[in-house]
Amino acid sequence: MTTNEQPAAVPPPSGEGTVRLRLRYAARSDIGLVRQGNEDSGYAGGHMLVVADGMGGHAAGELASATAVATFAELDREPPGDEVLTALADAIDQAHDELSRVIGDSPDFAGMGTTVTALSWEGDRVALAHVGDSRAYLLRDGQLQQLTKDHTFVQTLVDAGRITQDEAAVHEKRNLLIKALDGVHHVEPDLSMREVKAGDRFLLCSDGLSGVLKPGELQELLTSGDPTGTVTRLVERALEAGAPDNVTCVVADLVADPEPAPAETPSTAMPVVVGAAAELRNRDRLPGIDFPADSQPDPDRTAPAETPSPATSGAGAEAVPATKPPKRKRRLGPLVISLSAVAIVLIALVGFWGWAHNQYYVGNVNGKIGIYQGIKDGFGPNGFSKAIQTSTTSVSQLPTYSQDEINKTIQAGNLESARNIVATLEAQAAQCAAVPKTPGCPSPTTTPASGGAP
C-alpha cells in the first residue's frame, strides 16, 4: 500500500493566479478470508486509477486482471489529453486483444476474464471507462455518489423495476456478469466524463468491498483520513464482515496547491500496483505484457523495503514513503487455543518417546543378565522401558562387584554397546565358574542374587 502525489495545472478563474491540483492516492488489495488466491489487480498513478477483478479460477483470472491493469497503465505514461475517451475505448480493445493472444498461446486459459473500472484524470475533469461490476464512487461535500452501473443480471432486474437495490444486494445471482473482458467477445464499455474540483475524493473498488459494505458504511469510512488510512480502514472493515472474495480498493484525493506552477513539471512519481498485477510470478507468465514500474516490490521475490517515492521534479509535491499494509491481528478463540495446547503436548510426547526409544541399559531380568530398551525412570517397576534380550547367565554367577553394578543398571550408548557389556559380564561369569577362588567371585555357598527388575 503506497501513497503519492502528482500535480497538474488547472485553469484559474478570471483574474486569479494559476492553481494546481495534486492527486494523492493509495491502493490496497487483500486475498480475503475465503479465496485461495488473489485475482484482483489495482493501479494508481499520476493520471490513472484502475481496478480489475479477474475471474476464471483455474483459467487464470489473475492473469486477466493483471493484463487489463498493465494495458491501462500505459495511458498514465502519456496522458491522452482531449482524446481521453477515445483512448480509454482503445485501451479496452487493446486489453481484449492481449487476452485473446494469451488464450491463443495457452488454450488452457480459455474461460478467464476480468472487469475493468478505470479513471483518467487531467486538470479539471476525469474520464471513466467501465466494464463489469467493479465500481467507481465520488465523495463530494460529504455525499457519496456511485459513478458506474454494474453490468450484472440483477442490475437488469433493478432497471426493469422487478427488484429493489436492497434485494439485488442479497440476490443469489448478484455476481452473474452480463459484460466482461474475456478475449473472446468484444465489449462496449460505459464511457463518461465529468468535471472535478479540489476536495473531491474518488474510490475505485472490486465487488469484494462493495458487496459486503453498504453505501452508508462506505460514505462513513471515506469522509475522514488520508488515502492511506482510508484504504486500510476499508479493507479491514471488509475483513471484519467476512470478506468472502478478494478485496481491492484505490482512493484518490484532488488537493489544491496555491503555489504557482513552474513552466514544466515532468512526472517522476512512482505508481502503485497491488494485487495480482504486482506479483512477479504472474508477470513472468505474461512475457508479452509491458507492466508498469512499481514503488512497492513483490515480497515473494524481493526483500521488503521502506523506500521513499521520489518527488515530482520542480513541482514541490510531497514525497510520501511507501508503506507496507499493516498485518492483521487475528484473535484466537478458546477452542483454537485449547487445540494448540493439545498439539504442543502431543508434539512434546512424540519427541520424548522418540528419544526414549533410543536409550538402552543392562540390568537384572528375573535373575538373568538382560538388556532393556528405554529409560528406567517412570511409572511401574521398569519405568519407561522393557526387556528386549535376556542372557542365559545368571546374575548370581557374576563377581559380587558386577552383581552390584547390574542391580543398579549399567547405561549403554546404543544396542551394540549393551550387547558388548553383556558379553563382558558373561565372560566374567565363565571365569568365576572355571576358577571359583578368583577374587570377587561368588563361593559355591553364596546365596544367589535376588531376581527382579532393576
Protein backbone atom coordinates (compact mmCIF):
# COMPACT_ATOMS: atom_id res chain seq x y z
CA MET A 1 0.00 0.00 0.00
CA THR A 2 1.53 3.33 -1.07
CA THR A 3 0.61 6.95 -1.34
CA ASN A 4 1.84 9.53 -3.81
CA GLU A 5 1.02 12.92 -5.19
CA GLN A 6 1.04 14.27 -8.74
CA PRO A 7 0.45 17.94 -9.64
CA ALA A 8 -1.28 19.34 -12.68
CA ALA A 9 -2.19 22.88 -13.59
CA VAL A 10 -5.89 23.78 -13.51
CA PRO A 11 -7.12 26.81 -15.49
CA PRO A 12 -7.81 29.55 -12.92
CA PRO A 13 -10.86 31.73 -12.71
CA SER A 14 -10.51 35.09 -14.44
CA GLY A 15 -8.17 37.43 -12.61
CA GLU A 16 -6.63 34.80 -10.36
CA GLY A 17 -3.25 33.07 -10.45
CA THR A 18 -2.72 29.54 -11.62
CA VAL A 19 -3.93 26.90 -9.17
CA ARG A 20 -2.59 23.39 -9.13
CA LEU A 21 -4.34 20.24 -8.09
CA ARG A 22 -2.30 17.45 -6.58
CA LEU A 23 -3.53 13.88 -6.92
CA ARG A 24 -2.93 11.98 -3.69
CA TYR A 25 -3.63 8.28 -3.88
CA ALA A 26 -3.30 4.99 -2.09
CA ALA A 27 -4.19 1.40 -3.01
CA ARG A 28 -4.57 -1.87 -1.18
CA SER A 29 -5.52 -5.42 -2.12
CA ASP A 30 -6.22 -8.39 0.13
CA ILE A 31 -6.92 -12.03 -0.67
CA GLY A 32 -9.84 -12.06 1.77
CA LEU A 33 -10.79 -14.83 4.16
CA VAL A 34 -12.13 -17.48 1.77
CA ARG A 35 -10.32 -17.38 -1.58
CA GLN A 36 -7.15 -19.39 -2.18
CA GLY A 37 -5.59 -16.78 -4.46
CA ASN A 38 -5.91 -13.10 -5.36
CA GLU A 39 -7.42 -12.48 -8.80
CA ASP A 40 -7.89 -8.72 -8.23
CA SER A 41 -5.46 -6.11 -9.56
CA GLY A 42 -5.22 -2.40 -8.81
CA TYR A 43 -3.22 0.56 -10.07
CA ALA A 44 -2.83 4.18 -9.03
CA GLY A 45 -0.61 6.66 -10.84
CA GLY A 46 -0.24 10.32 -11.62
CA HIS A 47 -3.20 10.41 -14.04
CA MET A 48 -4.76 6.93 -13.99
CA LEU A 49 -6.62 4.81 -11.44
CA VAL A 50 -7.66 1.24 -12.28
CA VAL A 51 -9.32 -1.70 -10.53
CA ALA A 52 -9.80 -5.05 -12.28
CA ASP A 53 -11.48 -8.13 -10.80
CA GLY A 54 -10.33 -11.31 -12.56
CA MET A 55 -12.44 -14.42 -12.86
CA GLY A 56 -11.95 -17.95 -14.06
CA GLY A 57 -10.18 -19.66 -11.16
CA HIS A 58 -8.01 -22.34 -12.75
CA ALA A 59 -8.41 -20.44 -16.03
CA ALA A 60 -6.09 -17.73 -14.69
CA GLY A 61 -8.34 -14.85 -13.70
CA GLU A 62 -5.32 -13.26 -12.04
CA LEU A 63 -3.61 -13.03 -15.44
CA ALA A 64 -6.68 -11.42 -16.97
CA SER A 65 -6.86 -8.66 -14.35
CA ALA A 66 -3.09 -8.11 -14.47
CA THR A 67 -3.25 -7.76 -18.26
CA ALA A 68 -6.04 -5.18 -18.04
CA VAL A 69 -4.20 -3.11 -15.42
CA ALA A 70 -0.96 -3.16 -17.42
CA THR A 71 -2.81 -2.05 -20.56
CA PHE A 72 -4.47 0.94 -18.92
CA ALA A 73 -1.30 1.87 -17.05
CA GLU A 74 0.28 2.71 -20.41
CA LEU A 75 -2.07 5.71 -20.63
CA ASP A 76 -0.53 7.04 -17.43
CA ARG A 77 2.86 7.48 -19.09
CA GLU A 78 1.47 9.77 -21.80
CA PRO A 79 -1.93 11.17 -20.76
CA PRO A 80 -4.21 11.34 -23.82
CA GLY A 81 -5.48 14.88 -23.22
CA ASP A 82 -8.58 15.88 -25.18
CA GLU A 83 -8.88 12.44 -26.77
CA VAL A 84 -9.17 10.70 -23.42
CA LEU A 85 -12.49 8.91 -24.07
CA THR A 86 -11.20 7.55 -27.35
CA ALA A 87 -8.01 6.46 -25.65
CA LEU A 88 -9.96 4.63 -22.93
CA ALA A 89 -12.12 2.85 -25.50
CA ASP A 90 -8.97 1.88 -27.42
CA ALA A 91 -7.45 0.53 -24.18
CA ILE A 92 -10.49 -1.73 -23.74
CA ASP A 93 -9.96 -3.08 -27.26
CA GLN A 94 -6.23 -3.48 -26.66
CA ALA A 95 -6.85 -5.40 -23.41
CA HIS A 96 -9.27 -7.64 -25.32
CA ASP A 97 -6.62 -8.31 -27.98
CA GLU A 98 -3.97 -9.06 -25.34
CA LEU A 99 -6.27 -11.55 -23.60
CA SER A 100 -7.06 -13.16 -26.94
CA ARG A 101 -3.35 -13.55 -27.63
CA VAL A 102 -2.70 -15.04 -24.17
CA ILE A 103 -5.52 -17.56 -24.69
CA GLY A 104 -4.17 -18.39 -28.14
CA ASP A 105 -0.73 -19.11 -26.66
CA SER A 106 -2.20 -21.12 -23.77
CA PRO A 107 -5.61 -22.65 -24.63
CA ASP A 108 -5.98 -23.83 -21.03
CA PHE A 109 -6.62 -20.19 -20.10
CA ALA A 110 -9.83 -20.07 -22.15
CA GLY A 111 -12.61 -19.01 -19.80
CA MET A 112 -10.66 -16.34 -17.96
CA GLY A 113 -11.96 -12.81 -17.86
CA THR A 114 -11.92 -9.60 -15.89
CA THR A 115 -13.87 -6.49 -15.01
CA VAL A 116 -12.28 -3.07 -15.58
CA THR A 117 -13.05 0.26 -14.00
CA ALA A 118 -10.59 2.99 -14.97
CA LEU A 119 -10.47 6.70 -14.18
CA SER A 120 -8.24 9.08 -16.16
CA TRP A 121 -7.64 12.49 -14.57
CA GLU A 122 -6.40 15.61 -16.29
CA GLY A 123 -6.73 19.08 -14.81
CA ASP A 124 -10.36 19.86 -14.01
CA ARG A 125 -12.00 16.72 -15.40
CA VAL A 126 -11.96 12.98 -15.21
CA ALA A 127 -12.96 10.35 -17.75
CA LEU A 128 -14.35 6.93 -16.80
CA ALA A 129 -14.31 3.60 -18.62
CA HIS A 130 -16.26 0.73 -17.08
CA VAL A 131 -16.95 -2.94 -17.82
CA GLY A 132 -18.34 -5.39 -15.24
CA ASP A 133 -19.24 -4.92 -11.59
CA SER A 134 -16.23 -3.20 -10.10
CA ARG A 135 -17.27 0.31 -9.11
CA ALA A 136 -16.23 3.96 -9.03
CA TYR A 137 -17.57 6.39 -6.42
CA LEU A 138 -17.22 10.14 -5.91
CA LEU A 139 -17.33 11.69 -2.44
CA ARG A 140 -18.06 15.43 -2.75
CA ASP A 141 -19.05 17.69 0.11
CA GLY A 142 -19.67 14.64 2.31
CA GLN A 143 -22.08 12.98 -0.15
CA LEU A 144 -21.26 9.69 -1.85
CA GLN A 145 -22.29 9.12 -5.45
CA GLN A 146 -21.87 5.91 -7.44
CA LEU A 147 -20.43 6.79 -10.86
CA THR A 148 -20.77 3.38 -12.51
CA LYS A 149 -23.59 0.93 -13.10
CA ASP A 150 -22.99 -2.80 -12.62
CA HIS A 151 -23.11 -4.95 -15.73
CA THR A 152 -24.89 -7.78 -13.93
CA PHE A 153 -28.06 -9.79 -14.34
CA VAL A 154 -29.56 -8.43 -11.12
CA GLN A 155 -28.92 -4.84 -12.23
CA THR A 156 -31.09 -5.51 -15.29
CA LEU A 157 -33.82 -6.64 -12.90
CA VAL A 158 -33.41 -3.42 -10.92
CA ASP A 159 -33.54 -1.33 -14.10
CA ALA A 160 -36.74 -3.14 -15.11
CA GLY A 161 -38.29 -2.42 -11.72
CA ARG A 162 -38.60 -6.09 -10.84
CA ILE A 163 -36.44 -5.92 -7.70
CA THR A 164 -35.02 -3.18 -5.47
CA GLN A 165 -31.35 -2.33 -4.88
CA ASP A 166 -31.60 -3.88 -1.41
CA GLU A 167 -32.96 -7.10 -2.93
CA ALA A 168 -30.22 -7.05 -5.56
CA ALA A 169 -27.57 -6.87 -2.82
CA VAL A 170 -28.63 -10.31 -1.50
CA HIS A 171 -29.85 -11.90 -4.73
CA GLU A 172 -28.40 -15.38 -5.34
CA LYS A 173 -27.32 -14.36 -8.87
CA ARG A 174 -25.89 -10.97 -7.93
CA ASN A 175 -22.43 -11.97 -9.21
CA LEU A 176 -23.64 -13.09 -12.63
CA LEU A 177 -22.00 -10.71 -15.14
CA ILE A 178 -23.51 -9.86 -18.49
CA LYS A 179 -20.42 -7.98 -19.68
CA ALA A 180 -16.71 -8.59 -19.04
CA LEU A 181 -13.37 -8.61 -20.88
CA ASP A 182 -12.65 -12.22 -21.85
CA GLY A 183 -10.56 -12.05 -25.03
CA VAL A 184 -13.37 -13.71 -26.98
CA HIS A 185 -16.33 -11.33 -27.11
CA HIS A 186 -15.83 -7.67 -27.97
CA VAL A 187 -17.49 -5.40 -25.43
CA GLU A 188 -18.59 -1.79 -25.48
CA PRO A 189 -17.54 -0.05 -22.27
CA ASP A 190 -19.53 2.61 -20.46
CA LEU A 191 -17.69 5.89 -21.11
CA SER A 192 -18.34 9.16 -19.30
CA MET A 193 -16.71 12.49 -18.49
CA ARG A 194 -17.23 14.84 -15.56
CA GLU A 195 -15.74 17.98 -14.08
CA VAL A 196 -13.87 17.79 -10.78
CA LYS A 197 -12.75 20.25 -8.14
CA ALA A 198 -10.41 20.42 -5.18
CA GLY A 199 -11.68 18.30 -2.30
CA ASP A 200 -13.16 15.56 -4.48
CA ARG A 201 -12.35 12.05 -3.34
CA PHE A 202 -12.62 9.02 -5.63
CA LEU A 203 -12.97 5.38 -4.69
CA LEU A 204 -12.48 2.53 -7.16
CA CYS A 205 -13.09 -0.94 -5.78
CA SER A 206 -13.84 -4.55 -6.63
CA ASP A 207 -17.10 -6.15 -5.54
CA GLY A 208 -15.18 -7.76 -2.69
CA LEU A 209 -15.58 -4.38 -0.99
CA SER A 210 -18.87 -3.01 -2.37
CA GLY A 211 -20.51 -6.42 -1.99
CA VAL A 212 -20.02 -6.55 1.79
CA LEU A 213 -20.19 -2.87 2.79
CA LYS A 214 -23.34 -0.83 2.29
CA PRO A 215 -23.15 2.67 0.73
CA GLY A 216 -23.67 4.24 4.15
CA GLU A 217 -20.65 2.39 5.53
CA LEU A 218 -18.53 3.39 2.54
CA GLN A 219 -19.51 7.03 2.96
CA GLU A 220 -18.69 6.93 6.67
CA LEU A 221 -15.24 5.43 6.06
CA LEU A 222 -14.46 7.81 3.19
CA THR A 223 -15.33 11.06 4.98
CA SER A 224 -12.14 11.27 7.06
CA GLY A 225 -8.46 10.44 6.96
CA ASP A 226 -5.84 10.46 4.23
CA PRO A 227 -5.94 7.95 1.34
CA THR A 228 -3.52 5.56 3.06
CA GLY A 229 -5.51 5.34 6.26
CA THR A 230 -8.77 5.16 4.33
CA VAL A 231 -7.85 2.16 2.16
CA THR A 232 -6.63 0.43 5.29
CA ARG A 233 -9.92 1.01 7.09
CA LEU A 234 -11.96 -0.07 4.08
CA VAL A 235 -10.13 -3.38 3.70
CA GLU A 236 -10.13 -4.08 7.42
CA ARG A 237 -13.88 -3.42 7.62
CA ALA A 238 -14.45 -5.83 4.70
CA LEU A 239 -12.40 -8.47 6.51
CA GLU A 240 -14.43 -7.96 9.67
CA ALA A 241 -17.55 -8.55 7.55
CA GLY A 242 -16.23 -11.93 6.40
CA ALA A 243 -14.53 -10.97 3.11
CA PRO A 244 -15.75 -13.94 1.02
CA ASP A 245 -13.97 -12.52 -2.04
CA ASN A 246 -10.73 -10.68 -2.82
CA VAL A 247 -10.85 -7.05 -1.67
CA THR A 248 -9.19 -4.28 -3.68
CA CYS A 249 -9.62 -0.52 -3.47
CA VAL A 250 -7.99 2.67 -4.70
CA VAL A 251 -8.65 6.02 -3.01
CA ALA A 252 -7.51 9.30 -4.58
CA ASP A 253 -7.94 12.92 -3.47
CA LEU A 254 -7.70 16.11 -5.51
CA VAL A 255 -5.89 18.62 -3.30
CA ALA A 256 -5.46 22.30 -4.18
CA ASP A 257 -1.97 23.79 -4.12
CA PRO A 258 -1.96 27.62 -4.19
CA GLU A 259 1.71 27.87 -5.19
CA PRO A 260 2.30 28.95 -8.79
CA ALA A 261 3.12 26.10 -11.18
CA PRO A 262 6.57 26.08 -12.84
CA ALA A 263 6.81 26.12 -16.61
CA GLU A 264 7.41 22.37 -16.73
CA THR A 265 6.50 19.69 -14.21
CA PRO A 266 7.83 16.36 -15.51
CA SER A 267 6.41 13.40 -13.67
CA THR A 268 8.79 11.14 -11.76
CA ALA A 269 6.36 9.91 -9.12
CA MET A 270 6.20 6.14 -8.93
CA PRO A 271 2.82 4.48 -9.39
CA VAL A 272 1.33 1.93 -7.04
CA VAL A 273 0.46 -1.59 -8.25
CA VAL A 274 -1.39 -4.04 -5.98
CA GLY A 275 -2.92 -7.49 -6.18
CA ALA A 276 -2.24 -9.97 -8.97
CA ALA A 277 -0.58 -7.39 -11.22
CA ALA A 278 2.04 -6.73 -8.54
CA GLU A 279 3.08 -10.37 -8.20
CA LEU A 280 6.17 -11.20 -10.22
CA ARG A 281 5.09 -14.81 -10.66
CA ASN A 282 2.09 -13.52 -12.64
CA ARG A 283 4.22 -11.08 -14.61
CA ASP A 284 6.56 -13.93 -15.52
CA ARG A 285 3.61 -15.82 -17.04
CA LEU A 286 2.83 -12.82 -19.26
CA PRO A 287 6.14 -12.13 -21.02
CA GLY A 288 4.45 -10.16 -23.79
CA ILE A 289 2.88 -7.61 -21.41
CA ASP A 290 4.66 -4.37 -20.53
CA PHE A 291 3.99 -3.89 -16.82
CA PRO A 292 4.39 -0.51 -15.11
CA ALA A 293 7.16 0.30 -12.68
CA ASP A 294 6.06 -0.24 -9.12
CA SER A 295 7.02 1.61 -5.95
CA GLN A 296 6.04 -1.50 -4.00
CA PRO A 297 8.31 -4.51 -4.78
CA ASP A 298 6.91 -8.04 -4.79
CA PRO A 299 7.57 -9.62 -1.36
CA ASP A 300 7.73 -13.08 -2.95
CA ARG A 301 10.96 -12.25 -4.72
CA THR A 302 12.34 -9.06 -3.21
CA ALA A 303 13.09 -8.16 0.38
CA PRO A 304 10.52 -5.58 1.50
CA ALA A 305 11.92 -2.10 1.98
CA GLU A 306 10.64 1.24 3.16
CA THR A 307 11.67 3.22 0.07
CA PRO A 308 10.52 6.82 -0.33
CA SER A 309 8.74 7.61 -3.57
CA PRO A 310 10.64 10.30 -5.49
CA ALA A 311 9.16 13.79 -5.52
CA THR A 312 7.94 15.42 -8.69
CA SER A 313 10.75 17.48 -10.19
CA GLY A 314 10.35 21.18 -9.61
CA ALA A 315 6.74 20.81 -8.59
CA GLY A 316 7.08 20.94 -4.84
CA ALA A 317 4.88 17.87 -4.41
CA GLU A 318 5.20 15.84 -1.26
CA ALA A 319 7.02 12.53 -1.44
CA VAL A 320 5.28 10.08 0.85
CA PRO A 321 7.25 6.95 1.84
CA ALA A 322 5.97 3.66 0.53
CA THR A 323 4.50 1.64 3.36
CA LYS A 324 3.57 -1.99 3.72
CA PRO A 325 -0.02 -2.83 4.64
CA PRO A 326 -0.23 -3.48 8.39
CA LYS A 327 -0.59 -7.09 9.34
CA ARG A 328 -4.00 -8.06 10.57
CA LYS A 329 -4.23 -9.20 14.15
CA ARG A 330 -6.32 -12.30 14.36
CA ARG A 331 -7.88 -13.22 17.67
CA LEU A 332 -7.64 -16.83 18.70
CA GLY A 333 -10.77 -18.27 20.21
CA PRO A 334 -10.74 -20.58 23.23
CA LEU A 335 -11.16 -23.67 21.05
CA VAL A 336 -8.17 -22.71 18.89
CA ILE A 337 -6.06 -22.04 22.00
CA SER A 338 -7.05 -25.40 23.51
CA LEU A 339 -6.29 -27.27 20.31
CA SER A 340 -2.94 -25.50 20.08
CA ALA A 341 -2.07 -26.54 23.64
CA VAL A 342 -3.04 -30.15 22.91
CA ALA A 343 -0.94 -30.10 19.75
CA ILE A 344 2.08 -28.80 21.68
CA VAL A 345 1.70 -31.54 24.29
CA LEU A 346 1.38 -34.22 21.61
CA ILE A 347 4.46 -32.95 19.81
CA ALA A 348 6.41 -32.98 23.09
CA LEU A 349 5.27 -36.54 23.85
CA VAL A 350 6.21 -37.75 20.39
CA GLY A 351 9.63 -36.14 20.72
CA PHE A 352 10.16 -37.65 24.19
CA TRP A 353 9.08 -41.10 23.06
CA GLY A 354 11.43 -40.97 20.07
CA TRP A 355 14.33 -40.09 22.35
CA ALA A 356 13.48 -42.70 24.99
CA HIS A 357 13.12 -45.38 22.30
CA ASN A 358 16.82 -44.98 21.50
CA GLN A 359 18.04 -45.44 25.09
CA TYR A 360 19.47 -48.80 26.35
CA TYR A 361 20.83 -50.21 29.58
CA VAL A 362 21.84 -53.60 31.05
CA GLY A 363 20.08 -54.82 34.18
CA ASN A 364 18.65 -57.73 36.11
CA VAL A 365 15.84 -59.54 34.30
CA ASN A 366 14.34 -62.03 36.72
CA GLY A 367 17.79 -63.05 37.97
CA LYS A 368 19.38 -63.12 34.49
CA ILE A 369 21.58 -60.59 32.72
CA GLY A 370 19.31 -58.66 30.33
CA ILE A 371 19.10 -55.66 28.00
CA TYR A 372 16.43 -53.02 28.47
CA GLN A 373 15.25 -50.52 25.86
CA GLY A 374 14.06 -47.12 27.17
CA ILE A 375 14.67 -45.38 30.47
CA LYS A 376 14.22 -46.89 33.91
CA ASP A 377 12.53 -43.76 35.29
CA GLY A 378 8.74 -43.53 35.08
CA PHE A 379 5.67 -45.41 36.23
CA GLY A 380 5.76 -49.12 37.01
CA PRO A 381 8.62 -51.41 38.02
CA ASN A 382 10.55 -50.86 34.77
CA GLY A 383 9.69 -47.20 34.20
CA PHE A 384 9.54 -46.28 30.50
CA SER A 385 11.49 -49.35 29.43
CA LYS A 386 11.12 -53.01 28.56
CA ALA A 387 13.45 -56.02 28.46
CA ILE A 388 14.29 -56.93 24.85
CA GLN A 389 17.04 -59.56 25.35
CA THR A 390 17.87 -61.98 28.20
CA SER A 391 21.09 -63.92 28.67
CA THR A 392 21.27 -67.50 29.96
CA THR A 393 23.82 -66.31 32.51
CA SER A 394 22.51 -65.66 36.00
CA VAL A 395 23.43 -62.50 37.85
CA SER A 396 24.48 -64.71 40.82
CA GLN A 397 27.30 -66.16 38.70
CA LEU A 398 28.96 -62.79 38.39
CA PRO A 399 31.62 -61.35 40.67
CA THR A 400 30.00 -59.53 43.58
CA TYR A 401 31.08 -56.09 42.36
CA SER A 402 29.44 -56.79 38.96
CA GLN A 403 26.29 -58.04 40.69
CA ASP A 404 26.03 -54.68 42.47
CA GLU A 405 26.53 -52.78 39.19
CA ILE A 406 23.94 -54.73 37.22
CA ASN A 407 21.37 -54.45 40.01
CA LYS A 408 21.87 -50.67 39.83
CA THR A 409 21.80 -50.99 35.96
CA ILE A 410 24.61 -50.16 33.56
CA GLN A 411 23.86 -47.47 30.97
CA ALA A 412 24.73 -48.22 27.33
CA GLY A 413 25.14 -45.78 24.47
CA ASN A 414 23.26 -47.98 21.99
CA LEU A 415 22.13 -51.57 21.46
CA GLU A 416 25.54 -52.72 20.24
CA SER A 417 27.20 -51.22 23.31
CA ALA A 418 24.66 -53.02 25.54
CA ARG A 419 25.45 -56.33 23.87
CA ASN A 420 29.18 -55.78 24.43
CA ILE A 421 28.52 -55.15 28.12
CA VAL A 422 26.54 -58.40 28.32
CA ALA A 423 29.35 -60.27 26.60
CA THR A 424 31.87 -58.90 29.11
CA LEU A 425 29.67 -59.95 32.02
CA GLU A 426 29.21 -63.45 30.57
CA ALA A 427 32.99 -63.73 30.30
CA GLN A 428 33.33 -62.77 33.97
CA ALA A 429 30.78 -65.44 34.94
CA ALA A 430 32.66 -68.03 32.89
CA GLN A 431 35.91 -67.07 34.60
CA CYS A 432 34.30 -67.46 38.04
CA ALA A 433 32.93 -70.89 37.03
CA ALA A 434 36.36 -72.03 35.82
CA VAL A 435 38.33 -70.61 38.74
CA PRO A 436 35.93 -70.30 41.69
CA LYS A 437 38.58 -68.89 44.00
CA THR A 438 39.18 -65.88 41.75
CA PRO A 439 38.98 -62.76 43.97
CA GLY A 440 35.42 -61.34 43.96
CA CYS A 441 33.80 -64.46 42.52
CA PRO A 442 30.90 -65.91 44.48
CA SER A 443 31.61 -69.06 46.54
CA PRO A 444 29.53 -72.17 45.90
CA THR A 445 27.63 -71.50 49.14
CA THR A 446 26.81 -67.83 48.31
CA THR A 447 23.12 -67.10 48.22
CA PRO A 448 22.08 -66.35 44.62
CA ALA A 449 21.31 -62.71 43.82
CA SER A 450 17.63 -61.93 44.05
CA GLY A 451 15.82 -61.69 40.74
CA GLY A 452 13.58 -58.89 39.55
CA ALA A 453 13.69 -55.78 37.58
CA PRO A 454 16.14 -53.00 38.43
